[in-house]
Amino acid sequence: YVCRICGWVYEGEELPEDIVCPLCKHGAADF
């Protein structure tokens, strides 16, 4: 999954519901 805000990529099959982007601090709704 990629953060739509800053482009950071989470590599994994499922995106954790409580994920917070380490770069821009946006949550799962913005991936």
Full PDB file with SEQRES, HELIX, SHEET, SSBOND, CRYST1, ORIGX, SCALE, CONECT and MASTER records, all heavy atoms in Angstrom:
SEQRES   1 A   31  TYR VAL CYS ARG ILE CYS GLY TRP VAL TYR GLU GLY GLU          
SEQRES   2 A   31  GLU LEU PRO GLU ASP ILE VAL CYS PRO LEU CYS LYS HIS          
SEQRES   3 A   31  GLY ALA ALA ASP PHE                                          
HELIX    1 AA1 ALA A   28  ASP A   30  5                                   3    
CRYST1    1.000    1.000    1.000  90.00  90.00  90.00 P 1           1          
ORIGX1      1.000000  0.000000  0.000000        0.00000                         
ORIGX2      0.000000  1.000000  0.000000        0.00000                         
ORIGX3      0.000000  0.000000  1.000000        0.00000                         
SCALE1      1.000000  0.000000  0.000000        0.00000                         
SCALE2      0.000000  1.000000  0.000000        0.00000                         
SCALE3      0.000000  0.000000  1.000000        0.00000                         
ATOM      1  N   TYR A   1       0.848  -1.188   0.000  1.00  0.00           N  
ATOM      2  CA  TYR A   1       0.000   0.000   0.000  1.00  0.00           C  
ATOM      3  C   TYR A   1       0.883   1.237   0.000  1.00  0.00           C  
ATOM      4  O   TYR A   1       1.965   1.242   0.591  1.00  0.00           O  
ATOM      5  CB  TYR A   1      -0.899  -0.003   1.239  1.00  0.00           C  
ATOM      6  CG  TYR A   1      -1.843  -1.185   1.266  1.00  0.00           C  
ATOM      7  CD1 TYR A   1      -1.413  -2.425   1.724  1.00  0.00           C  
ATOM      8  CD2 TYR A   1      -3.156  -1.066   0.814  1.00  0.00           C  
ATOM      9  CE1 TYR A   1      -2.271  -3.523   1.733  1.00  0.00           C  
ATOM     10  CE2 TYR A   1      -4.021  -2.147   0.821  1.00  0.00           C  
ATOM     11  CZ  TYR A   1      -3.569  -3.372   1.284  1.00  0.00           C  
ATOM     12  OH  TYR A   1      -4.411  -4.445   1.277  1.00  0.00           O  
ATOM     13  N   VAL A   2       0.397   2.293  -0.642  1.00  0.00           N  
ATOM     14  CA  VAL A   2       1.154   3.541  -0.706  1.00  0.00           C  
ATOM     15  C   VAL A   2       0.344   4.658  -0.049  1.00  0.00           C  
ATOM     16  O   VAL A   2      -0.874   4.731  -0.204  1.00  0.00           O  
ATOM     17  CB  VAL A   2       1.524   3.901  -2.165  1.00  0.00           C  
ATOM     18  CG1 VAL A   2       0.277   4.122  -3.015  1.00  0.00           C  
ATOM     19  CG2 VAL A   2       2.434   5.115  -2.217  1.00  0.00           C  
ATOM     20  N   CYS A   3       1.022   5.507   0.710  1.00  0.00           N  
ATOM     21  CA  CYS A   3       0.373   6.669   1.309  1.00  0.00           C  
ATOM     22  C   CYS A   3       0.099   7.683   0.205  1.00  0.00           C  
ATOM     23  O   CYS A   3       1.017   8.110  -0.495  1.00  0.00           O  
ATOM     24  CB  CYS A   3       1.279   7.278   2.383  1.00  0.00           C  
ATOM     25  SG  CYS A   3       0.615   8.798   3.106  1.00  0.00           S  
ATOM     26  N   ARG A   4      -1.158   8.055   0.034  1.00  0.00           N  
ATOM     27  CA  ARG A   4      -1.532   9.008  -1.011  1.00  0.00           C  
ATOM     28  C   ARG A   4      -1.008  10.409  -0.723  1.00  0.00           C  
ATOM     29  O   ARG A   4      -0.906  11.241  -1.611  1.00  0.00           O  
ATOM     30  CB  ARG A   4      -3.064   9.087  -1.143  1.00  0.00           C  
ATOM     31  CG  ARG A   4      -3.713   7.827  -1.645  1.00  0.00           C  
ATOM     32  CD  ARG A   4      -5.208   7.993  -1.866  1.00  0.00           C  
ATOM     33  NE  ARG A   4      -5.916   8.429  -0.679  1.00  0.00           N  
ATOM     34  CZ  ARG A   4      -6.476   9.639  -0.532  1.00  0.00           C  
ATOM     35  NH1 ARG A   4      -6.398  10.532  -1.472  1.00  0.00           N  
ATOM     36  NH2 ARG A   4      -7.112   9.949   0.573  1.00  0.00           N  
ATOM     37  N   ILE A   5      -0.642  10.669   0.519  1.00  0.00           N  
ATOM     38  CA  ILE A   5      -0.200  12.000   0.905  1.00  0.00           C  
ATOM     39  C   ILE A   5       1.269  12.222   0.561  1.00  0.00           C  
ATOM     40  O   ILE A   5       1.630  13.205  -0.077  1.00  0.00           O  
ATOM     41  CB  ILE A   5      -0.430  12.244   2.409  1.00  0.00           C  
ATOM     42  CG1 ILE A   5      -1.894  11.950   2.795  1.00  0.00           C  
ATOM     43  CG2 ILE A   5      -0.026  13.660   2.798  1.00  0.00           C  
ATOM     44  CD1 ILE A   5      -2.927  12.736   2.026  1.00  0.00           C  
ATOM     45  N   CYS A   6       2.138  11.292   0.979  1.00  0.00           N  
ATOM     46  CA  CYS A   6       3.576  11.532   0.792  1.00  0.00           C  
ATOM     47  C   CYS A   6       4.292  10.480  -0.040  1.00  0.00           C  
ATOM     48  O   CYS A   6       5.453  10.644  -0.377  1.00  0.00           O  
ATOM     49  CB  CYS A   6       4.265  11.657   2.152  1.00  0.00           C  
ATOM     50  SG  CYS A   6       4.326  10.100   3.073  1.00  0.00           S  
ATOM     51  N   GLY A   7       3.612   9.361  -0.360  1.00  0.00           N  
ATOM     52  CA  GLY A   7       4.235   8.357  -1.210  1.00  0.00           C  
ATOM     53  C   GLY A   7       4.977   7.248  -0.483  1.00  0.00           C  
ATOM     54  O   GLY A   7       5.557   6.367  -1.116  1.00  0.00           O  
ATOM     55  N   TRP A   8       4.957   7.230   0.880  1.00  0.00           N  
ATOM     56  CA  TRP A   8       5.622   6.162   1.617  1.00  0.00           C  
ATOM     57  C   TRP A   8       4.912   4.835   1.338  1.00  0.00           C  
ATOM     58  O   TRP A   8       3.688   4.769   1.255  1.00  0.00           O  
ATOM     59  CB  TRP A   8       5.596   6.461   3.122  1.00  0.00           C  
ATOM     60  CG  TRP A   8       6.303   5.424   3.948  1.00  0.00           C  
ATOM     61  CD1 TRP A   8       7.636   5.277   4.096  1.00  0.00           C  
ATOM     62  CD2 TRP A   8       5.683   4.394   4.725  1.00  0.00           C  
ATOM     63  NE1 TRP A   8       7.902   4.206   4.936  1.00  0.00           N  
ATOM     64  CE2 TRP A   8       6.727   3.653   5.328  1.00  0.00           C  
ATOM     65  CE3 TRP A   8       4.364   4.022   4.972  1.00  0.00           C  
ATOM     66  CZ2 TRP A   8       6.478   2.566   6.167  1.00  0.00           C  
ATOM     67  CZ3 TRP A   8       4.109   2.936   5.809  1.00  0.00           C  
ATOM     68  CH2 TRP A   8       5.165   2.222   6.395  1.00  0.00           C  
ATOM     69  N   VAL A   9       5.696   3.747   1.142  1.00  0.00           N  
ATOM     70  CA  VAL A   9       5.134   2.452   0.781  1.00  0.00           C  
ATOM     71  C   VAL A   9       5.193   1.493   1.964  1.00  0.00           C  
ATOM     72  O   VAL A   9       6.252   1.320   2.588  1.00  0.00           O  
ATOM     73  CB  VAL A   9       5.883   1.845  -0.424  1.00  0.00           C  
ATOM     74  CG1 VAL A   9       5.415   0.423  -0.694  1.00  0.00           C  
ATOM     75  CG2 VAL A   9       5.693   2.715  -1.653  1.00  0.00           C  
ATOM     76  N   TYR A  10       4.040   0.883   2.288  1.00  0.00           N  
ATOM     77  CA  TYR A  10       3.963  -0.194   3.268  1.00  0.00           C  
ATOM     78  C   TYR A  10       3.924  -1.491   2.479  1.00  0.00           C  
ATOM     79  O   TYR A  10       3.016  -1.712   1.667  1.00  0.00           O  
ATOM     80  CB  TYR A  10       2.704  -0.069   4.137  1.00  0.00           C  
ATOM     81  CG  TYR A  10       2.461  -1.274   5.010  1.00  0.00           C  
ATOM     82  CD1 TYR A  10       3.136  -1.411   6.217  1.00  0.00           C  
ATOM     83  CD2 TYR A  10       1.583  -2.272   4.621  1.00  0.00           C  
ATOM     84  CE1 TYR A  10       2.936  -2.519   7.018  1.00  0.00           C  
ATOM     85  CE2 TYR A  10       1.368  -3.384   5.419  1.00  0.00           C  
ATOM     86  CZ  TYR A  10       2.045  -3.508   6.612  1.00  0.00           C  
ATOM     87  OH  TYR A  10       1.849  -4.614   7.408  1.00  0.00           O  
ATOM     88  N   GLU A  11       4.929  -2.351   2.672  1.00  0.00           N  
ATOM     89  CA  GLU A  11       4.977  -3.619   1.948  1.00  0.00           C  
ATOM     90  C   GLU A  11       4.376  -4.706   2.814  1.00  0.00           C  
ATOM     91  O   GLU A  11       4.911  -5.037   3.861  1.00  0.00           O  
ATOM     92  CB  GLU A  11       6.415  -3.953   1.558  1.00  0.00           C  
ATOM     93  CG  GLU A  11       6.988  -2.976   0.542  1.00  0.00           C  
ATOM     94  CD  GLU A  11       8.409  -3.313   0.130  1.00  0.00           C  
ATOM     95  OE1 GLU A  11       8.877  -4.423   0.436  1.00  0.00           O  
ATOM     96  OE2 GLU A  11       9.054  -2.458  -0.483  1.00  0.00           O  
ATOM     97  N   GLY A  12       3.261  -5.214   2.389  1.00  0.00           N  
ATOM     98  CA  GLY A  12       2.582  -6.262   3.125  1.00  0.00           C  
ATOM     99  C   GLY A  12       1.276  -6.620   2.435  1.00  0.00           C  
ATOM    100  O   GLY A  12       0.753  -5.849   1.633  1.00  0.00           O  
ATOM    101  N   GLU A  13       0.764  -7.796   2.747  1.00  0.00           N  
ATOM    102  CA  GLU A  13      -0.465  -8.270   2.110  1.00  0.00           C  
ATOM    103  C   GLU A  13      -1.689  -7.507   2.601  1.00  0.00           C  
ATOM    104  O   GLU A  13      -2.591  -7.225   1.842  1.00  0.00           O  
ATOM    105  CB  GLU A  13      -0.649  -9.775   2.369  1.00  0.00           C  
ATOM    106  CG  GLU A  13       0.406 -10.645   1.714  1.00  0.00           C  
ATOM    107  CD  GLU A  13       0.338 -10.593   0.198  1.00  0.00           C  
ATOM    108  OE1 GLU A  13      -0.775 -10.530  -0.366  1.00  0.00           O  
ATOM    109  OE2 GLU A  13       1.407 -10.593  -0.434  1.00  0.00           O  
ATOM    110  N   GLU A  14      -1.723  -7.221   3.925  1.00  0.00           N  
ATOM    111  CA  GLU A  14      -2.858  -6.491   4.494  1.00  0.00           C  
ATOM    112  C   GLU A  14      -2.362  -5.251   5.219  1.00  0.00           C  
ATOM    113  O   GLU A  14      -1.366  -5.296   5.945  1.00  0.00           O  
ATOM    114  CB  GLU A  14      -3.631  -7.378   5.477  1.00  0.00           C  
ATOM    115  CG  GLU A  14      -4.471  -8.440   4.796  1.00  0.00           C  
ATOM    116  CD  GLU A  14      -5.408  -9.126   5.773  1.00  0.00           C  
ATOM    117  OE1 GLU A  14      -5.897  -8.460   6.714  1.00  0.00           O  
ATOM    118  OE2 GLU A  14      -5.629 -10.328   5.599  1.00  0.00           O  
ATOM    119  N   LEU A  15      -3.088  -4.164   5.055  1.00  0.00           N  
ATOM    120  CA  LEU A  15      -2.740  -2.910   5.714  1.00  0.00           C  
ATOM    121  C   LEU A  15      -3.330  -2.910   7.119  1.00  0.00           C  
ATOM    122  O   LEU A  15      -4.542  -3.060   7.288  1.00  0.00           O  
ATOM    123  CB  LEU A  15      -3.297  -1.728   4.917  1.00  0.00           C  
ATOM    124  CG  LEU A  15      -2.930  -0.340   5.431  1.00  0.00           C  
ATOM    125  CD1 LEU A  15      -1.449  -0.065   5.176  1.00  0.00           C  
ATOM    126  CD2 LEU A  15      -3.784   0.713   4.742  1.00  0.00           C  
ATOM    127  N   PRO A  16      -2.515  -2.731   8.161  1.00  0.00           N  
ATOM    128  CA  PRO A  16      -3.059  -2.666   9.522  1.00  0.00           C  
ATOM    129  C   PRO A  16      -4.027  -1.486   9.671  1.00  0.00           C  
ATOM    130  O   PRO A  16      -3.770  -0.395   9.149  1.00  0.00           O  
ATOM    131  CB  PRO A  16      -1.815  -2.447  10.392  1.00  0.00           C  
ATOM    132  CG  PRO A  16      -0.664  -2.913   9.559  1.00  0.00           C  
ATOM    133  CD  PRO A  16      -1.051  -2.643   8.143  1.00  0.00           C  
ATOM    134  N   GLU A  17      -5.128  -1.712  10.356  1.00  0.00           N  
ATOM    135  CA  GLU A  17      -6.139  -0.661  10.532  1.00  0.00           C  
ATOM    136  C   GLU A  17      -5.601   0.535  11.309  1.00  0.00           C  
ATOM    137  O   GLU A  17      -6.036   1.658  11.097  1.00  0.00           O  
ATOM    138  CB  GLU A  17      -7.371  -1.219  11.250  1.00  0.00           C  
ATOM    139  CG  GLU A  17      -8.174  -2.185  10.410  1.00  0.00           C  
ATOM    140  CD  GLU A  17      -9.391  -2.712  11.147  1.00  0.00           C  
ATOM    141  OE1 GLU A  17      -9.777  -2.120  12.187  1.00  0.00           O  
ATOM    142  OE2 GLU A  17      -9.961  -3.712  10.689  1.00  0.00           O  
ATOM    143  N   ASP A  18      -4.651   0.283  12.195  1.00  0.00           N  
ATOM    144  CA  ASP A  18      -4.128   1.364  13.041  1.00  0.00           C  
ATOM    145  C   ASP A  18      -2.812   1.949  12.519  1.00  0.00           C  
ATOM    146  O   ASP A  18      -2.121   2.667  13.235  1.00  0.00           O  
ATOM    147  CB  ASP A  18      -3.931   0.869  14.477  1.00  0.00           C  
ATOM    148  CG  ASP A  18      -2.929  -0.280  14.557  1.00  0.00           C  
ATOM    149  OD1 ASP A  18      -2.549  -0.852  13.502  1.00  0.00           O  
ATOM    150  OD2 ASP A  18      -2.513  -0.608  15.685  1.00  0.00           O  
ATOM    151  N   ILE A  19      -2.495   1.683  11.255  1.00  0.00           N  
ATOM    152  CA  ILE A  19      -1.220   2.175  10.712  1.00  0.00           C  
ATOM    153  C   ILE A  19      -1.198   3.705  10.683  1.00  0.00           C  
ATOM    154  O   ILE A  19      -2.215   4.356  10.440  1.00  0.00           O  
ATOM    155  CB  ILE A  19      -0.952   1.609   9.292  1.00  0.00           C  
ATOM    156  CG1 ILE A  19       0.502   1.917   8.888  1.00  0.00           C  
ATOM    157  CG2 ILE A  19      -1.935   2.183   8.286  1.00  0.00           C  
ATOM    158  CD1 ILE A  19       0.964   1.146   7.683  1.00  0.00           C  
ATOM    159  N   VAL A  20      -0.033   4.253  10.999  1.00  0.00           N  
ATOM    160  CA  VAL A  20       0.210   5.690  10.889  1.00  0.00           C  
ATOM    161  C   VAL A  20       1.467   5.849  10.043  1.00  0.00           C  
ATOM    162  O   VAL A  20       2.501   5.257  10.347  1.00  0.00           O  
ATOM    163  CB  VAL A  20       0.406   6.347  12.271  1.00  0.00           C  
ATOM    164  CG1 VAL A  20       0.789   7.809  12.120  1.00  0.00           C  
ATOM    165  CG2 VAL A  20      -0.859   6.204  13.116  1.00  0.00           C  
ATOM    166  N   CYS A  21       1.361   6.604   8.964  1.00  0.00           N  
ATOM    167  CA  CYS A  21       2.505   6.811   8.082  1.00  0.00           C  
ATOM    168  C   CYS A  21       3.649   7.443   8.872  1.00  0.00           C  
ATOM    169  O   CYS A  21       3.449   8.457   9.542  1.00  0.00           O  
ATOM    170  CB  CYS A  21       2.111   7.708   6.908  1.00  0.00           C  
ATOM    171  SG  CYS A  21       3.499   8.069   5.813  1.00  0.00           S  
ATOM    172  N   PRO A  22       4.853   6.861   8.823  1.00  0.00           N  
ATOM    173  CA  PRO A  22       5.966   7.408   9.592  1.00  0.00           C  
ATOM    174  C   PRO A  22       6.463   8.758   9.063  1.00  0.00           C  
ATOM    175  O   PRO A  22       7.146   9.480   9.776  1.00  0.00           O  
ATOM    176  CB  PRO A  22       7.056   6.334   9.463  1.00  0.00           C  
ATOM    177  CG  PRO A  22       6.721   5.609   8.212  1.00  0.00           C  
ATOM    178  CD  PRO A  22       5.230   5.642   8.102  1.00  0.00           C  
ATOM    179  N   LEU A  23       6.113   9.108   7.835  1.00  0.00           N  
ATOM    180  CA  LEU A  23       6.568  10.372   7.269  1.00  0.00           C  
ATOM    181  C   LEU A  23       5.591  11.506   7.507  1.00  0.00           C  
ATOM    182  O   LEU A  23       5.958  12.569   8.001  1.00  0.00           O  
ATOM    183  CB  LEU A  23       6.826  10.229   5.765  1.00  0.00           C  
ATOM    184  CG  LEU A  23       7.929   9.264   5.360  1.00  0.00           C  
ATOM    185  CD1 LEU A  23       8.092   9.262   3.854  1.00  0.00           C  
ATOM    186  CD2 LEU A  23       9.243   9.620   6.034  1.00  0.00           C  
ATOM    187  N   CYS A  24       4.325  11.308   7.134  1.00  0.00           N  
ATOM    188  CA  CYS A  24       3.376  12.428   7.207  1.00  0.00           C  
ATOM    189  C   CYS A  24       2.330  12.268   8.300  1.00  0.00           C  
ATOM    190  O   CYS A  24       1.497  13.152   8.491  1.00  0.00           O  
ATOM    191  CB  CYS A  24       2.695  12.635   5.855  1.00  0.00           C  
ATOM    192  SG  CYS A  24       1.552  11.309   5.398  1.00  0.00           S  
ATOM    193  N   LYS A  25       2.347  11.126   9.002  1.00  0.00           N  
ATOM    194  CA  LYS A  25       1.467  10.870  10.150  1.00  0.00           C  
ATOM    195  C   LYS A  25      -0.014  10.734   9.788  1.00  0.00           C  
ATOM    196  O   LYS A  25      -0.870  10.907  10.637  1.00  0.00           O  
ATOM    197  CB  LYS A  25       1.615  11.967  11.223  1.00  0.00           C  
ATOM    198  CG  LYS A  25       3.027  12.148  11.711  1.00  0.00           C  
ATOM    199  CD  LYS A  25       3.593  10.886  12.304  1.00  0.00           C  
ATOM    200  CE  LYS A  25       4.987  11.129  12.871  1.00  0.00           C  
ATOM    201  NZ  LYS A  25       5.692   9.903  13.171  1.00  0.00           N  
ATOM    202  N   HIS A  26      -0.316  10.393   8.534  1.00  0.00           N  
ATOM    203  CA  HIS A  26      -1.701  10.141   8.150  1.00  0.00           C  
ATOM    204  C   HIS A  26      -2.014   8.663   8.358  1.00  0.00           C  
ATOM    205  O   HIS A  26      -1.118   7.817   8.325  1.00  0.00           O  
ATOM    206  CB  HIS A  26      -1.942  10.558   6.703  1.00  0.00           C  
ATOM    207  CG  HIS A  26      -2.034  12.041   6.549  1.00  0.00           C  
ATOM    208  ND1 HIS A  26      -3.204  12.693   6.253  1.00  0.00           N  
ATOM    209  CD2 HIS A  26      -1.104  13.023   6.677  1.00  0.00           C  
ATOM    210  CE1 HIS A  26      -3.000  13.986   6.210  1.00  0.00           C  
ATOM    211  NE2 HIS A  26      -1.724  14.220   6.455  1.00  0.00           N  
ATOM    212  N   GLY A  27      -3.300   8.368   8.576  1.00  0.00           N  
ATOM    213  CA  GLY A  27      -3.730   7.013   8.910  1.00  0.00           C  
ATOM    214  C   GLY A  27      -4.111   6.161   7.721  1.00  0.00           C  
ATOM    215  O   GLY A  27      -3.935   6.540   6.553  1.00  0.00           O  
ATOM    216  N   ALA A  28      -4.696   4.993   8.025  1.00  0.00           N  
ATOM    217  CA  ALA A  28      -5.017   3.984   7.018  1.00  0.00           C  
ATOM    218  C   ALA A  28      -5.936   4.520   5.915  1.00  0.00           C  
ATOM    219  O   ALA A  28      -5.845   4.090   4.763  1.00  0.00           O  
ATOM    220  CB  ALA A  28      -5.661   2.765   7.691  1.00  0.00           C  
ATOM    221  N   ALA A  29      -6.818   5.459   6.225  1.00  0.00           N  
ATOM    222  CA  ALA A  29      -7.745   6.006   5.219  1.00  0.00           C  
ATOM    223  C   ALA A  29      -7.013   6.690   4.078  1.00  0.00           C  
ATOM    224  O   ALA A  29      -7.577   6.845   2.991  1.00  0.00           O  
ATOM    225  CB  ALA A  29      -8.714   6.976   5.887  1.00  0.00           C  
ATOM    226  N   ASP A  30      -5.770   7.099   4.311  1.00  0.00           N  
ATOM    227  CA  ASP A  30      -5.005   7.790   3.274  1.00  0.00           C  
ATOM    228  C   ASP A  30      -4.029   6.875   2.539  1.00  0.00           C  
ATOM    229  O   ASP A  30      -3.134   7.350   1.841  1.00  0.00           O  
ATOM    230  CB  ASP A  30      -4.270   8.989   3.863  1.00  0.00           C  
ATOM    231  CG  ASP A  30      -5.227  10.116   4.205  1.00  0.00           C  
ATOM    232  OD1 ASP A  30      -6.044  10.457   3.357  1.00  0.00           O  
ATOM    233  OD2 ASP A  30      -5.154  10.636   5.336  1.00  0.00           O  
ATOM    234  N   PHE A  31      -4.197   5.556   2.678  1.00  0.00           N  
ATOM    235  CA  PHE A  31      -3.396   4.590   1.931  1.00  0.00           C  
ATOM    236  C   PHE A  31      -4.254   3.958   0.850  1.00  0.00           C  
ATOM    237  O   PHE A  31      -5.461   3.805   0.990  1.00  0.00           O  
ATOM    238  CB  PHE A  31      -2.878   3.484   2.860  1.00  0.00           C  
ATOM    239  CG  PHE A  31      -1.685   3.881   3.676  1.00  0.00           C  
ATOM    240  CD1 PHE A  31      -1.827   4.674   4.812  1.00  0.00           C  
ATOM    241  CD2 PHE A  31      -0.419   3.472   3.324  1.00  0.00           C  
ATOM    242  CE1 PHE A  31      -0.731   5.052   5.571  1.00  0.00           C  
ATOM    243  CE2 PHE A  31       0.703   3.829   4.076  1.00  0.00           C  
ATOM    244  CZ  PHE A  31       0.534   4.618   5.201  1.00  0.00           C  
TER     245      PHE A  31                                                      
MASTER        0    0    0    1    0    0    0    6  244    1    0    3          
END                                                                             
